[in-house]
Amino acid sequence: MPEDFKTFLLLHDGWKFFDEELSILSLDEMIRGTVYEWIGALKSEWGPGDRALEMGWVFVAAHGQNTVTFFDLSKKRRDGGLDVVEWDEGEVVQRYKSFTAYLKETLIVVKELIEENR
């Protein structure tokens, strides 16, 4: 588990509705329950054609949504780092070098949306 994500989980253990209906999953949600089961179904449907998703460790999801964010375990770096992949219905939307980079980019987007809606 990447250190920045481990620190986040130790401090917060998930974040409900982090991005509209999507949540950063708690440890419990990552290992059991309806969202966990949904992720399994999603991987069965889309994963065989997408090695990164098939092997990925999903940490942002919502039951019934075909959008997830995951750590790409298929491309672990020598320093132990893992890319973060935003994925939607069979396609990579965006790739980040770390969980921290993912959070920073999300913050930029949120700030832009706030400015646009003032």
PDB file of N, CA and C in Angstrom:
ATOM      1  N   MET A   1       0.847  -1.178   0.000  1.00  0.00           N
ATOM      2  CA  MET A   1       0.000   0.000   0.000  1.00  0.00           C
ATOM      3  C   MET A   1       0.897   1.247   0.000  1.00  0.00           C
ATOM      4  N   PRO A   2       0.661   2.169  -0.915  1.00  0.00           N
ATOM      5  CA  PRO A   2       1.467   3.396  -0.934  1.00  0.00           C
ATOM      6  C   PRO A   2       1.354   4.161   0.386  1.00  0.00           C
ATOM      7  N   GLU A   3       2.471   4.740   0.800  1.00  0.00           N
ATOM      8  CA  GLU A   3       2.529   5.436   2.092  1.00  0.00           C
ATOM      9  C   GLU A   3       1.521   6.578   2.207  1.00  0.00           C
ATOM     10  N   ASP A   4       1.351   7.360   1.129  1.00  0.00           N
ATOM     11  CA  ASP A   4       0.412   8.485   1.218  1.00  0.00           C
ATOM     12  C   ASP A   4      -1.022   8.003   1.411  1.00  0.00           C
ATOM     13  N   PHE A   5      -1.372   6.891   0.778  1.00  0.00           N
ATOM     14  CA  PHE A   5      -2.709   6.336   0.947  1.00  0.00           C
ATOM     15  C   PHE A   5      -2.873   5.710   2.331  1.00  0.00           C
ATOM     16  N   LYS A   6      -1.834   5.043   2.803  1.00  0.00           N
ATOM     17  CA  LYS A   6      -1.871   4.457   4.142  1.00  0.00           C
ATOM     18  C   LYS A   6      -2.112   5.546   5.193  1.00  0.00           C
ATOM     19  N   THR A   7      -1.398   6.661   5.052  1.00  0.00           N
ATOM     20  CA  THR A   7      -1.574   7.782   5.983  1.00  0.00           C
ATOM     21  C   THR A   7      -2.993   8.315   5.928  1.00  0.00           C
ATOM     22  N   PHE A   8      -3.528   8.468   4.719  1.00  0.00           N
ATOM     23  CA  PHE A   8      -4.907   8.934   4.557  1.00  0.00           C
ATOM     24  C   PHE A   8      -5.871   8.008   5.286  1.00  0.00           C
ATOM     25  N   LEU A   9      -5.724   6.710   5.077  1.00  0.00           N
ATOM     26  CA  LEU A   9      -6.639   5.755   5.717  1.00  0.00           C
ATOM     27  C   LEU A   9      -6.512   5.782   7.237  1.00  0.00           C
ATOM     28  N   LEU A  10      -5.292   5.916   7.737  1.00  0.00           N
ATOM     29  CA  LEU A  10      -5.120   5.985   9.188  1.00  0.00           C
ATOM     30  C   LEU A  10      -5.800   7.210   9.785  1.00  0.00           C
ATOM     31  N   LEU A  11      -5.800   8.314   9.033  1.00  0.00           N
ATOM     32  CA  LEU A  11      -6.427   9.545   9.514  1.00  0.00           C
ATOM     33  C   LEU A  11      -7.934   9.590   9.287  1.00  0.00           C
ATOM     34  N   HIS A  12      -8.395   9.044   8.164  1.00  0.00           N
ATOM     35  CA  HIS A  12      -9.794   9.250   7.762  1.00  0.00           C
ATOM     36  C   HIS A  12     -10.591   7.983   7.504  1.00  0.00           C
ATOM     37  N   ASP A  13      -9.955   6.887   7.153  1.00  0.00           N
ATOM     38  CA  ASP A  13     -10.613   5.619   6.807  1.00  0.00           C
ATOM     39  C   ASP A  13     -11.789   5.817   5.849  1.00  0.00           C
ATOM     40  N   GLY A  14     -11.519   6.469   4.740  1.00  0.00           N
ATOM     41  CA  GLY A  14     -12.529   6.670   3.703  1.00  0.00           C
ATOM     42  C   GLY A  14     -13.067   8.091   3.697  1.00  0.00           C
ATOM     43  N   TRP A  15     -13.854   8.383   2.649  1.00  0.00           N
ATOM     44  CA  TRP A  15     -14.438   9.719   2.489  1.00  0.00           C
ATOM     45  C   TRP A  15     -15.696   9.560   1.648  1.00  0.00           C
ATOM     46  N   LYS A  16     -16.849   9.573   2.310  1.00  0.00           N
ATOM     47  CA  LYS A  16     -18.131   9.425   1.621  1.00  0.00           C
ATOM     48  C   LYS A  16     -18.362  10.589   0.673  1.00  0.00           C
ATOM     49  N   PHE A  17     -18.852  10.277  -0.511  1.00  0.00           N
ATOM     50  CA  PHE A  17     -19.233  11.266  -1.530  1.00  0.00           C
ATOM     51  C   PHE A  17     -18.101  12.240  -1.838  1.00  0.00           C
ATOM     52  N   PHE A  18     -16.908  11.699  -1.927  1.00  0.00           N
ATOM     53  CA  PHE A  18     -15.714  12.471  -2.261  1.00  0.00           C
ATOM     54  C   PHE A  18     -15.872  13.197  -3.601  1.00  0.00           C
ATOM     55  N   ASP A  19     -16.465  12.534  -4.563  1.00  0.00           N
ATOM     56  CA  ASP A  19     -16.643  13.080  -5.913  1.00  0.00           C
ATOM     57  C   ASP A  19     -18.057  12.736  -6.361  1.00  0.00           C
ATOM     58  N   GLU A  20     -18.984  13.634  -6.024  1.00  0.00           N
ATOM     59  CA  GLU A  20     -20.411  13.413  -6.267  1.00  0.00           C
ATOM     60  C   GLU A  20     -20.838  12.135  -5.567  1.00  0.00           C
ATOM     61  N   GLU A  21     -21.282  11.111  -6.300  1.00  0.00           N
ATOM     62  CA  GLU A  21     -21.742   9.884  -5.649  1.00  0.00           C
ATOM     63  C   GLU A  21     -20.608   8.913  -5.334  1.00  0.00           C
ATOM     64  N   LEU A  22     -19.408   9.174  -5.850  1.00  0.00           N
ATOM     65  CA  LEU A  22     -18.264   8.291  -5.611  1.00  0.00           C
ATOM     66  C   LEU A  22     -17.619   8.589  -4.264  1.00  0.00           C
ATOM     67  N   SER A  23     -17.179   7.535  -3.603  1.00  0.00           N
ATOM     68  CA  SER A  23     -16.529   7.662  -2.296  1.00  0.00           C
ATOM     69  C   SER A  23     -15.138   7.045  -2.334  1.00  0.00           C
ATOM     70  N   ILE A  24     -14.223   7.621  -1.547  1.00  0.00           N
ATOM     71  CA  ILE A  24     -12.978   6.916  -1.262  1.00  0.00           C
ATOM     72  C   ILE A  24     -13.360   5.883  -0.218  1.00  0.00           C
ATOM     73  N   LEU A  25     -13.152   4.635  -0.534  1.00  0.00           N
ATOM     74  CA  LEU A  25     -13.660   3.545   0.287  1.00  0.00           C
ATOM     75  C   LEU A  25     -12.894   3.407   1.601  1.00  0.00           C
ATOM     76  N   SER A  26     -13.628   3.011   2.637  1.00  0.00           N
ATOM     77  CA  SER A  26     -12.999   2.664   3.905  1.00  0.00           C
ATOM     78  C   SER A  26     -12.354   1.284   3.750  1.00  0.00           C
ATOM     79  N   LEU A  27     -11.523   0.917   4.699  1.00  0.00           N
ATOM     80  CA  LEU A  27     -10.921  -0.413   4.656  1.00  0.00           C
ATOM     81  C   LEU A  27     -11.997  -1.490   4.629  1.00  0.00           C
ATOM     82  N   ASP A  28     -13.020  -1.325   5.439  1.00  0.00           N
ATOM     83  CA  ASP A  28     -14.095  -2.311   5.489  1.00  0.00           C
ATOM     84  C   ASP A  28     -14.801  -2.432   4.139  1.00  0.00           C
ATOM     85  N   GLU A  29     -15.067  -1.301   3.486  1.00  0.00           N
ATOM     86  CA  GLU A  29     -15.739  -1.334   2.182  1.00  0.00           C
ATOM     87  C   GLU A  29     -14.879  -1.985   1.103  1.00  0.00           C
ATOM     88  N   MET A  30     -13.555  -1.917   1.262  1.00  0.00           N
ATOM     89  CA  MET A  30     -12.657  -2.528   0.284  1.00  0.00           C
ATOM     90  C   MET A  30     -12.628  -4.049   0.376  1.00  0.00           C
ATOM     91  N   ILE A  31     -13.087  -4.605   1.501  1.00  0.00           N
ATOM     92  CA  ILE A  31     -12.978  -6.059   1.671  1.00  0.00           C
ATOM     93  C   ILE A  31     -14.317  -6.793   1.806  1.00  0.00           C
ATOM     94  N   ARG A  32     -15.423  -6.047   1.950  1.00  0.00           N
ATOM     95  CA  ARG A  32     -16.737  -6.724   2.077  1.00  0.00           C
ATOM     96  C   ARG A  32     -17.866  -5.730   1.829  1.00  0.00           C
ATOM     97  N   GLY A  33     -19.043  -6.278   1.609  1.00  0.00           N
ATOM     98  CA  GLY A  33     -20.225  -5.439   1.462  1.00  0.00           C
ATOM     99  C   GLY A  33     -20.638  -5.217   0.016  1.00  0.00           C
ATOM    100  N   THR A  34     -21.663  -4.385  -0.160  1.00  0.00           N
ATOM    101  CA  THR A  34     -22.264  -4.205  -1.476  1.00  0.00           C
ATOM    102  C   THR A  34     -21.330  -3.542  -2.478  1.00  0.00           C
ATOM    103  N   VAL A  35     -20.545  -2.573  -2.049  1.00  0.00           N
ATOM    104  CA  VAL A  35     -19.611  -1.917  -2.980  1.00  0.00           C
ATOM    105  C   VAL A  35     -18.522  -2.910  -3.388  1.00  0.00           C
ATOM    106  N   TYR A  36     -18.008  -3.668  -2.456  1.00  0.00           N
ATOM    107  CA  TYR A  36     -17.004  -4.697  -2.744  1.00  0.00           C
ATOM    108  C   TYR A  36     -17.553  -5.694  -3.761  1.00  0.00           C
ATOM    109  N   GLU A  37     -18.773  -6.135  -3.566  1.00  0.00           N
ATOM    110  CA  GLU A  37     -19.406  -7.082  -4.496  1.00  0.00           C
ATOM    111  C   GLU A  37     -19.600  -6.441  -5.871  1.00  0.00           C
ATOM    112  N   TRP A  38     -19.986  -5.169  -5.884  1.00  0.00           N
ATOM    113  CA  TRP A  38     -20.157  -4.458  -7.153  1.00  0.00           C
ATOM    114  C   TRP A  38     -18.830  -4.373  -7.909  1.00  0.00           C
ATOM    115  N   ILE A  39     -17.755  -4.095  -7.195  1.00  0.00           N
ATOM    116  CA  ILE A  39     -16.433  -4.022  -7.822  1.00  0.00           C
ATOM    117  C   ILE A  39     -16.074  -5.369  -8.451  1.00  0.00           C
ATOM    118  N   GLY A  40     -16.372  -6.446  -7.749  1.00  0.00           N
ATOM    119  CA  GLY A  40     -16.124  -7.784  -8.298  1.00  0.00           C
ATOM    120  C   GLY A  40     -16.892  -8.017  -9.589  1.00  0.00           C
ATOM    121  N   ALA A  41     -18.155  -7.596  -9.605  1.00  0.00           N
ATOM    122  CA  ALA A  41     -18.981  -7.745 -10.810  1.00  0.00           C
ATOM    123  C   ALA A  41     -18.435  -6.880 -11.944  1.00  0.00           C
ATOM    124  N   LEU A  42     -18.024  -5.676 -11.607  1.00  0.00           N
ATOM    125  CA  LEU A  42     -17.460  -4.765 -12.607  1.00  0.00           C
ATOM    126  C   LEU A  42     -16.184  -5.347 -13.207  1.00  0.00           C
ATOM    127  N   LYS A  43     -15.317  -5.896 -12.368  1.00  0.00           N
ATOM    128  CA  LYS A  43     -14.087  -6.509 -12.860  1.00  0.00           C
ATOM    129  C   LYS A  43     -14.387  -7.722 -13.736  1.00  0.00           C
ATOM    130  N   SER A  44     -15.417  -8.491 -13.386  1.00  0.00           N
ATOM    131  CA  SER A  44     -15.792  -9.644 -14.204  1.00  0.00           C
ATOM    132  C   SER A  44     -16.272  -9.211 -15.582  1.00  0.00           C
ATOM    133  N   GLU A  45     -17.010  -8.101 -15.615  1.00  0.00           N
ATOM    134  CA  GLU A  45     -17.555  -7.613 -16.876  1.00  0.00           C
ATOM    135  C   GLU A  45     -16.494  -6.947 -17.737  1.00  0.00           C
ATOM    136  N   TRP A  46     -15.703  -6.042 -17.135  1.00  0.00           N
ATOM    137  CA  TRP A  46     -14.760  -5.221 -17.902  1.00  0.00           C
ATOM    138  C   TRP A  46     -13.312  -5.674 -17.785  1.00  0.00           C
ATOM    139  N   GLY A  47     -12.964  -6.315 -16.690  1.00  0.00           N
ATOM    140  CA  GLY A  47     -11.577  -6.639 -16.391  1.00  0.00           C
ATOM    141  C   GLY A  47     -10.850  -7.519 -17.386  1.00  0.00           C
ATOM    142  N   PRO A  48     -11.483  -8.589 -17.900  1.00  0.00           N
ATOM    143  CA  PRO A  48     -10.744  -9.464 -18.808  1.00  0.00           C
ATOM    144  C   PRO A  48     -10.125  -8.743 -20.013  1.00  0.00           C
ATOM    145  N   GLY A  49     -10.681  -7.649 -20.450  1.00  0.00           N
ATOM    146  CA  GLY A  49     -10.114  -6.895 -21.559  1.00  0.00           C
ATOM    147  C   GLY A  49      -9.207  -5.761 -21.106  1.00  0.00           C
ATOM    148  N   ASP A  50      -9.061  -5.592 -19.811  1.00  0.00           N
ATOM    149  CA  ASP A  50      -8.291  -4.475 -19.269  1.00  0.00           C
ATOM    150  C   ASP A  50      -7.442  -4.986 -18.117  1.00  0.00           C
ATOM    151  N   ARG A  51      -6.184  -5.306 -18.406  1.00  0.00           N
ATOM    152  CA  ARG A  51      -5.296  -5.908 -17.399  1.00  0.00           C
ATOM    153  C   ARG A  51      -5.145  -5.018 -16.169  1.00  0.00           C
ATOM    154  N   ALA A  52      -5.041  -3.707 -16.366  1.00  0.00           N
ATOM    155  CA  ALA A  52      -4.868  -2.798 -15.228  1.00  0.00           C
ATOM    156  C   ALA A  52      -6.072  -2.873 -14.295  1.00  0.00           C
ATOM    157  N   LEU A  53      -7.292  -2.828 -14.859  1.00  0.00           N
ATOM    158  CA  LEU A  53      -8.483  -2.929 -14.008  1.00  0.00           C
ATOM    159  C   LEU A  53      -8.570  -4.303 -13.365  1.00  0.00           C
ATOM    160  N   GLU A  54      -8.311  -5.336 -14.140  1.00  0.00           N
ATOM    161  CA  GLU A  54      -8.409  -6.702 -13.631  1.00  0.00           C
ATOM    162  C   GLU A  54      -7.515  -6.899 -12.408  1.00  0.00           C
ATOM    163  N   MET A  55      -6.310  -6.325 -12.447  1.00  0.00           N
ATOM    164  CA  MET A  55      -5.362  -6.476 -11.346  1.00  0.00           C
ATOM    165  C   MET A  55      -5.424  -5.310 -10.366  1.00  0.00           C
ATOM    166  N   GLY A  56      -6.181  -4.278 -10.688  1.00  0.00           N
ATOM    167  CA  GLY A  56      -6.182  -3.062  -9.892  1.00  0.00           C
ATOM    168  C   GLY A  56      -6.807  -3.202  -8.521  1.00  0.00           C
ATOM    169  N   TRP A  57      -6.359  -2.335  -7.616  1.00  0.00           N
ATOM    170  CA  TRP A  57      -6.908  -2.259  -6.266  1.00  0.00           C
ATOM    171  C   TRP A  57      -7.789  -1.018  -6.225  1.00  0.00           C
ATOM    172  N   VAL A  58      -9.096  -1.245  -6.358  1.00  0.00           N
ATOM    173  CA  VAL A  58     -10.070  -0.159  -6.426  1.00  0.00           C
ATOM    174  C   VAL A  58     -10.215   0.493  -5.054  1.00  0.00           C
ATOM    175  N   PHE A  59     -10.135   1.838  -5.021  1.00  0.00           N
ATOM    176  CA  PHE A  59     -10.315   2.551  -3.756  1.00  0.00           C
ATOM    177  C   PHE A  59     -11.328   3.691  -3.854  1.00  0.00           C
ATOM    178  N   VAL A  60     -11.794   4.024  -5.060  1.00  0.00           N
ATOM    179  CA  VAL A  60     -12.884   4.989  -5.231  1.00  0.00           C
ATOM    180  C   VAL A  60     -13.953   4.324  -6.072  1.00  0.00           C
ATOM    181  N   ALA A  61     -15.185   4.276  -5.534  1.00  0.00           N
ATOM    182  CA  ALA A  61     -16.273   3.612  -6.247  1.00  0.00           C
ATOM    183  C   ALA A  61     -17.608   3.987  -5.608  1.00  0.00           C
ATOM    184  N   ALA A  62     -18.673   3.609  -6.297  1.00  0.00           N
ATOM    185  CA  ALA A  62     -20.024   3.706  -5.755  1.00  0.00           C
ATOM    186  C   ALA A  62     -20.821   2.550  -6.344  1.00  0.00           C
ATOM    187  N   HIS A  63     -21.647   1.941  -5.521  1.00  0.00           N
ATOM    188  CA  HIS A  63     -22.460   0.813  -5.987  1.00  0.00           C
ATOM    189  C   HIS A  63     -23.288   1.231  -7.198  1.00  0.00           C
ATOM    190  N   GLY A  64     -23.221   0.437  -8.254  1.00  0.00           N
ATOM    191  CA  GLY A  64     -24.013   0.695  -9.443  1.00  0.00           C
ATOM    192  C   GLY A  64     -23.369   1.629 -10.455  1.00  0.00           C
ATOM    193  N   GLN A  65     -22.219   2.186 -10.146  1.00  0.00           N
ATOM    194  CA  GLN A  65     -21.534   3.099 -11.064  1.00  0.00           C
ATOM    195  C   GLN A  65     -20.448   2.347 -11.839  1.00  0.00           C
ATOM    196  N   ASN A  66     -20.285   2.687 -13.107  1.00  0.00           N
ATOM    197  CA  ASN A  66     -19.243   2.062 -13.928  1.00  0.00           C
ATOM    198  C   ASN A  66     -17.983   2.917 -13.970  1.00  0.00           C
ATOM    199  N   THR A  67     -17.804   3.744 -12.974  1.00  0.00           N
ATOM    200  CA  THR A  67     -16.628   4.592 -12.835  1.00  0.00           C
ATOM    201  C   THR A  67     -15.930   4.210 -11.535  1.00  0.00           C
ATOM    202  N   VAL A  68     -14.629   3.932 -11.626  1.00  0.00           N
ATOM    203  CA  VAL A  68     -13.841   3.610 -10.439  1.00  0.00           C
ATOM    204  C   VAL A  68     -12.471   4.270 -10.558  1.00  0.00           C
ATOM    205  N   THR A  69     -11.788   4.357  -9.441  1.00  0.00           N
ATOM    206  CA  THR A  69     -10.401   4.800  -9.419  1.00  0.00           C
ATOM    207  C   THR A  69      -9.624   3.722  -8.674  1.00  0.00           C
ATOM    208  N   PHE A  70      -8.458   3.348  -9.225  1.00  0.00           N
ATOM    209  CA  PHE A  70      -7.727   2.243  -8.624  1.00  0.00           C
ATOM    210  C   PHE A  70      -6.226   2.444  -8.722  1.00  0.00           C
ATOM    211  N   PHE A  71      -5.512   1.716  -7.853  1.00  0.00           N
ATOM    212  CA  PHE A  71      -4.064   1.643  -7.944  1.00  0.00           C
ATOM    213  C   PHE A  71      -3.733   0.578  -8.981  1.00  0.00           C
ATOM    214  N   ASP A  72      -2.858   0.916  -9.928  1.00  0.00           N
ATOM    215  CA  ASP A  72      -2.471  -0.006 -10.990  1.00  0.00           C
ATOM    216  C   ASP A  72      -1.355  -0.916 -10.487  1.00  0.00           C
ATOM    217  N   LEU A  73      -1.736  -2.079  -9.990  1.00  0.00           N
ATOM    218  CA  LEU A  73      -0.776  -3.030  -9.439  1.00  0.00           C
ATOM    219  C   LEU A  73       0.064  -3.692 -10.518  1.00  0.00           C
ATOM    220  N   SER A  74      -0.376  -3.598 -11.767  1.00  0.00           N
ATOM    221  CA  SER A  74       0.368  -4.237 -12.857  1.00  0.00           C
ATOM    222  C   SER A  74       1.633  -3.463 -13.224  1.00  0.00           C
ATOM    223  N   LYS A  75       1.767  -2.238 -12.713  1.00  0.00           N
ATOM    224  CA  LYS A  75       2.927  -1.403 -13.061  1.00  0.00           C
ATOM    225  C   LYS A  75       3.568  -0.791 -11.820  1.00  0.00           C
ATOM    226  N   LYS A  76       3.817  -1.624 -10.835  1.00  0.00           N
ATOM    227  CA  LYS A  76       4.443  -1.132  -9.603  1.00  0.00           C
ATOM    228  C   LYS A  76       5.865  -0.653  -9.899  1.00  0.00           C
ATOM    229  N   ARG A  77       6.185   0.532  -9.403  1.00  0.00           N
ATOM    230  CA  ARG A  77       7.509   1.103  -9.624  1.00  0.00           C
ATOM    231  C   ARG A  77       8.524   0.536  -8.623  1.00  0.00           C
ATOM    232  N   ARG A  78       9.790   0.691  -8.939  1.00  0.00           N
ATOM    233  CA  ARG A  78      10.862   0.174  -8.066  1.00  0.00           C
ATOM    234  C   ARG A  78      10.803   0.761  -6.668  1.00  0.00           C
ATOM    235  N   ASP A  79      10.355   2.022  -6.570  1.00  0.00           N
ATOM    236  CA  ASP A  79      10.264   2.669  -5.257  1.00  0.00           C
ATOM    237  C   ASP A  79       9.002   2.256  -4.493  1.00  0.00           C
ATOM    238  N   GLY A  80       8.223   1.335  -5.070  1.00  0.00           N
ATOM    239  CA  GLY A  80       6.994   0.872  -4.434  1.00  0.00           C
ATOM    240  C   GLY A  80       5.780   1.700  -4.796  1.00  0.00           C
ATOM    241  N   GLY A  81       5.990   2.777  -5.535  1.00  0.00           N
ATOM    242  CA  GLY A  81       4.887   3.646  -5.928  1.00  0.00           C
ATOM    243  C   GLY A  81       3.953   2.984  -6.922  1.00  0.00           C
ATOM    244  N   LEU A  82       2.715   3.411  -6.877  1.00  0.00           N
ATOM    245  CA  LEU A  82       1.689   2.889  -7.778  1.00  0.00           C
ATOM    246  C   LEU A  82       0.955   4.041  -8.442  1.00  0.00           C
ATOM    247  N   ASP A  83       0.768   3.934  -9.749  1.00  0.00           N
ATOM    248  CA  ASP A  83      -0.052   4.914 -10.447  1.00  0.00           C
ATOM    249  C   ASP A  83      -1.499   4.779 -10.003  1.00  0.00           C
ATOM    250  N   VAL A  84      -2.198   5.901 -10.021  1.00  0.00           N
ATOM    251  CA  VAL A  84      -3.631   5.933  -9.764  1.00  0.00           C
ATOM    252  C   VAL A  84      -4.321   6.123 -11.109  1.00  0.00           C
ATOM    253  N   VAL A  85      -5.327   5.299 -11.371  1.00  0.00           N
ATOM    254  CA  VAL A  85      -6.018   5.327 -12.656  1.00  0.00           C
ATOM    255  C   VAL A  85      -7.500   5.618 -12.429  1.00  0.00           C
ATOM    256  N   GLU A  86      -7.991   6.661 -13.099  1.00  0.00           N
ATOM    257  CA  GLU A  86      -9.434   6.900 -13.148  1.00  0.00           C
ATOM    258  C   GLU A  86      -9.934   6.157 -14.375  1.00  0.00           C
ATOM    259  N   TRP A  87     -10.963   5.385 -14.192  1.00  0.00           N
ATOM    260  CA  TRP A  87     -11.441   4.477 -15.222  1.00  0.00           C
ATOM    261  C   TRP A  87     -12.959   4.614 -15.345  1.00  0.00           C
ATOM    262  N   ASP A  88     -13.466   4.621 -16.582  1.00  0.00           N
ATOM    263  CA  ASP A  88     -14.904   4.751 -16.798  1.00  0.00           C
ATOM    264  C   ASP A  88     -15.324   3.902 -17.993  1.00  0.00           C
ATOM    265  N   GLU A  89     -16.145   2.912 -17.722  1.00  0.00           N
ATOM    266  CA  GLU A  89     -16.743   2.048 -18.744  1.00  0.00           C
ATOM    267  C   GLU A  89     -15.761   1.593 -19.817  1.00  0.00           C
ATOM    268  N   GLY A  90     -14.681   1.003 -19.372  1.00  0.00           N
ATOM    269  CA  GLY A  90     -13.752   0.397 -20.306  1.00  0.00           C
ATOM    270  C   GLY A  90     -12.633   1.276 -20.789  1.00  0.00           C
ATOM    271  N   GLU A  91     -12.554   2.500 -20.288  1.00  0.00           N
ATOM    272  CA  GLU A  91     -11.514   3.404 -20.761  1.00  0.00           C
ATOM    273  C   GLU A  91     -10.822   4.119 -19.604  1.00  0.00           C
ATOM    274  N   VAL A  92      -9.517   4.284 -19.761  1.00  0.00           N
ATOM    275  CA  VAL A  92      -8.752   5.082 -18.806  1.00  0.00           C
ATOM    276  C   VAL A  92      -9.052   6.546 -19.084  1.00  0.00           C
ATOM    277  N   VAL A  93      -9.531   7.252 -18.068  1.00  0.00           N
ATOM    278  CA  VAL A  93      -9.851   8.672 -18.195  1.00  0.00           C
ATOM    279  C   VAL A  93      -8.620   9.507 -17.886  1.00  0.00           C
ATOM    280  N   GLN A  94      -7.921   9.127 -16.823  1.00  0.00           N
ATOM    281  CA  GLN A  94      -6.747   9.881 -16.383  1.00  0.00           C
ATOM    282  C   GLN A  94      -5.844   8.963 -15.577  1.00  0.00           C
ATOM    283  N   ARG A  95      -4.550   9.258 -15.584  1.00  0.00           N
ATOM    284  CA  ARG A  95      -3.566   8.503 -14.817  1.00  0.00           C
ATOM    285  C   ARG A  95      -2.727   9.500 -14.026  1.00  0.00           C
ATOM    286  N   TYR A  96      -2.469   9.185 -12.740  1.00  0.00           N
ATOM    287  CA  TYR A  96      -1.687  10.048 -11.851  1.00  0.00           C
ATOM    288  C   TYR A  96      -0.526   9.241 -11.281  1.00  0.00           C
ATOM    289  N   LYS A  97       0.543   9.913 -10.894  1.00  0.00           N
ATOM    290  CA  LYS A  97       1.735   9.233 -10.365  1.00  0.00           C
ATOM    291  C   LYS A  97       1.588   8.777  -8.916  1.00  0.00           C
ATOM    292  N   SER A  98       0.578   9.295  -8.207  1.00  0.00           N
ATOM    293  CA  SER A  98       0.419   8.922  -6.798  1.00  0.00           C
ATOM    294  C   SER A  98      -0.980   9.309  -6.315  1.00  0.00           C
ATOM    295  N   PHE A  99      -1.313   8.817  -5.131  1.00  0.00           N
ATOM    296  CA  PHE A  99      -2.565   9.195  -4.495  1.00  0.00           C
ATOM    297  C   PHE A  99      -2.572  10.692  -4.202  1.00  0.00           C
ATOM    298  N   THR A 100      -1.436  11.223  -3.744  1.00  0.00           N
ATOM    299  CA  THR A 100      -1.336  12.653  -3.460  1.00  0.00           C
ATOM    300  C   THR A 100      -1.570  13.474  -4.724  1.00  0.00           C
ATOM    301  N   ALA A 101      -0.982  13.073  -5.841  1.00  0.00           N
ATOM    302  CA  ALA A 101      -1.184  13.787  -7.113  1.00  0.00           C
ATOM    303  C   ALA A 101      -2.658  13.741  -7.522  1.00  0.00           C
ATOM    304  N   TYR A 102      -3.295  12.619  -7.297  1.00  0.00           N
ATOM    305  CA  TYR A 102      -4.726  12.470  -7.587  1.00  0.00           C
ATOM    306  C   TYR A 102      -5.555  13.451  -6.752  1.00  0.00           C
ATOM    307  N   LEU A 103      -5.265  13.531  -5.455  1.00  0.00           N
ATOM    308  CA  LEU A 103      -5.998  14.453  -4.582  1.00  0.00           C
ATOM    309  C   LEU A 103      -5.764  15.909  -4.983  1.00  0.00           C
ATOM    310  N   LYS A 104      -4.521  16.248  -5.301  1.00  0.00           N
ATOM    311  CA  LYS A 104      -4.211  17.626  -5.701  1.00  0.00           C
ATOM    312  C   LYS A 104      -4.959  18.016  -6.972  1.00  0.00           C
ATOM    313  N   GLU A 105      -5.003  17.144  -7.947  1.00  0.00           N
ATOM    314  CA  GLU A 105      -5.722  17.435  -9.194  1.00  0.00           C
ATOM    315  C   GLU A 105      -7.221  17.574  -8.938  1.00  0.00           C
ATOM    316  N   THR A 106      -7.754  16.734  -8.079  1.00  0.00           N
ATOM    317  CA  THR A 106      -9.173  16.818  -7.735  1.00  0.00           C
ATOM    318  C   THR A 106      -9.471  18.152  -7.063  1.00  0.00           C
ATOM    319  N   LEU A 107      -8.590  18.615  -6.189  1.00  0.00           N
ATOM    320  CA  LEU A 107      -8.754  19.907  -5.528  1.00  0.00           C
ATOM    321  C   LEU A 107      -8.776  21.043  -6.550  1.00  0.00           C
ATOM    322  N   ILE A 108      -7.897  20.995  -7.535  1.00  0.00           N
ATOM    323  CA  ILE A 108      -7.876  22.015  -8.582  1.00  0.00           C
ATOM    324  C   ILE A 108      -9.207  22.051  -9.325  1.00  0.00           C
ATOM    325  N   VAL A 109      -9.724  20.892  -9.669  1.00  0.00           N
ATOM    326  CA  VAL A 109     -11.004  20.815 -10.383  1.00  0.00           C
ATOM    327  C   VAL A 109     -12.137  21.379  -9.531  1.00  0.00           C
ATOM    328  N   VAL A 110     -12.156  21.023  -8.262  1.00  0.00           N
ATOM    329  CA  VAL A 110     -13.203  21.515  -7.361  1.00  0.00           C
ATOM    330  C   VAL A 110     -13.128  23.040  -7.237  1.00  0.00           C
ATOM    331  N   LYS A 111     -11.929  23.579  -7.083  1.00  0.00           N
ATOM    332  CA  LYS A 111     -11.776  25.040  -6.998  1.00  0.00           C
ATOM    333  C   LYS A 111     -12.268  25.728  -8.269  1.00  0.00           C
ATOM    334  N   GLU A 112     -11.981  25.142  -9.427  1.00  0.00           N
ATOM    335  CA  GLU A 112     -12.452  25.714 -10.695  1.00  0.00           C
ATOM    336  C   GLU A 112     -13.973  25.698 -10.768  1.00  0.00           C
ATOM    337  N   LEU A 113     -14.577  24.599 -10.316  1.00  0.00           N
ATOM    338  CA  LEU A 113     -16.042  24.503 -10.318  1.00  0.00           C
ATOM    339  C   LEU A 113     -16.669  25.538  -9.382  1.00  0.00           C
ATOM    340  N   ILE A 114     -16.046  25.763  -8.244  1.00  0.00           N
ATOM    341  CA  ILE A 114     -16.551  26.767  -7.295  1.00  0.00           C
ATOM    342  C   ILE A 114     -16.482  28.147  -7.947  1.00  0.00           C
ATOM    343  N   GLU A 115     -15.369  28.463  -8.577  1.00  0.00           N
ATOM    344  CA  GLU A 115     -15.224  29.771  -9.234  1.00  0.00           C
ATOM    345  C   GLU A 115     -16.250  29.958 -10.344  1.00  0.00           C
ATOM    346  N   GLU A 116     -16.489  28.926 -11.131  1.00  0.00           N
ATOM    347  CA  GLU A 116     -17.447  29.005 -12.229  1.00  0.00           C
ATOM    348  C   GLU A 116     -18.871  29.227 -11.740  1.00  0.00           C
ATOM    349  N   ASN A 117     -19.173  28.752 -10.537  1.00  0.00           N
ATOM    350  CA  ASN A 117     -20.546  28.819 -10.022  1.00  0.00           C
ATOM    351  C   ASN A 117     -20.765  29.919  -9.001  1.00  0.00           C
ATOM    352  N   ARG A 118     -19.856  30.862  -8.939  1.00  0.00           N
ATOM    353  CA  ARG A 118     -20.038  32.014  -8.023  1.00  0.00           C
ATOM    354  C   ARG A 118     -20.972  33.016  -8.628  1.00  0.00           C
TER     355      ARG A 118
END
